[in-house]
């Protein structure tokens, strides 16, 4: 700003000194009819116009730098807002994951309780519940078959314990042998 004004002032001063040291011919030209501006007046007006232009350029530059400053602040603010938005999204994702984990735990616990009611041991009930939640129906069927086999063996053992002893030698041996064969056939069919 100051540099352009200085140049304009120097130009005016130079013109002024040139005009005062002018020859008589120049003075005659300067004695023109009234209403016509002299060179000095024109140079003064030009210097003022140049000074005004320089001031306007400086004002424009100042406004541009201020606008850039505000844009930078806005970008920083937007960045802070974006960070805050990202944190909110992350918190929401963590919450969703937490809820999904709770739902999975609830489903597993409910399934485990159902299998425990069927008489499965804790280990088998846990495995069956996990297979159900995963959707692994082959594994679930295998576990249920294993459970059914265990139940059958357990009931056989109970039945064998509760069965009266066979007395041989009193003439009822043939009847007892027939009954034992029938029991064995029933047991084989049950498997």
Foldseek 3Di string as FASTA:
>chain_A
DVVQLVVLVVQLVVVVVCQVPDDVVSVVVQPDDPPDDGPSVVSVVVSVVSVVVVVVVVVVVVVVVVVVVVVVVVVVVVVVVVVVVVVVVVVVVVVVVVVVVVVLVVQLVVQLVVVVVVVDDNVLSNQLSVCVSVVVVVSNVVSVVVVLVVVLVVVVVVCVVVDDDDDPDPPCVVVVVVVVVVVVVVSVVSD
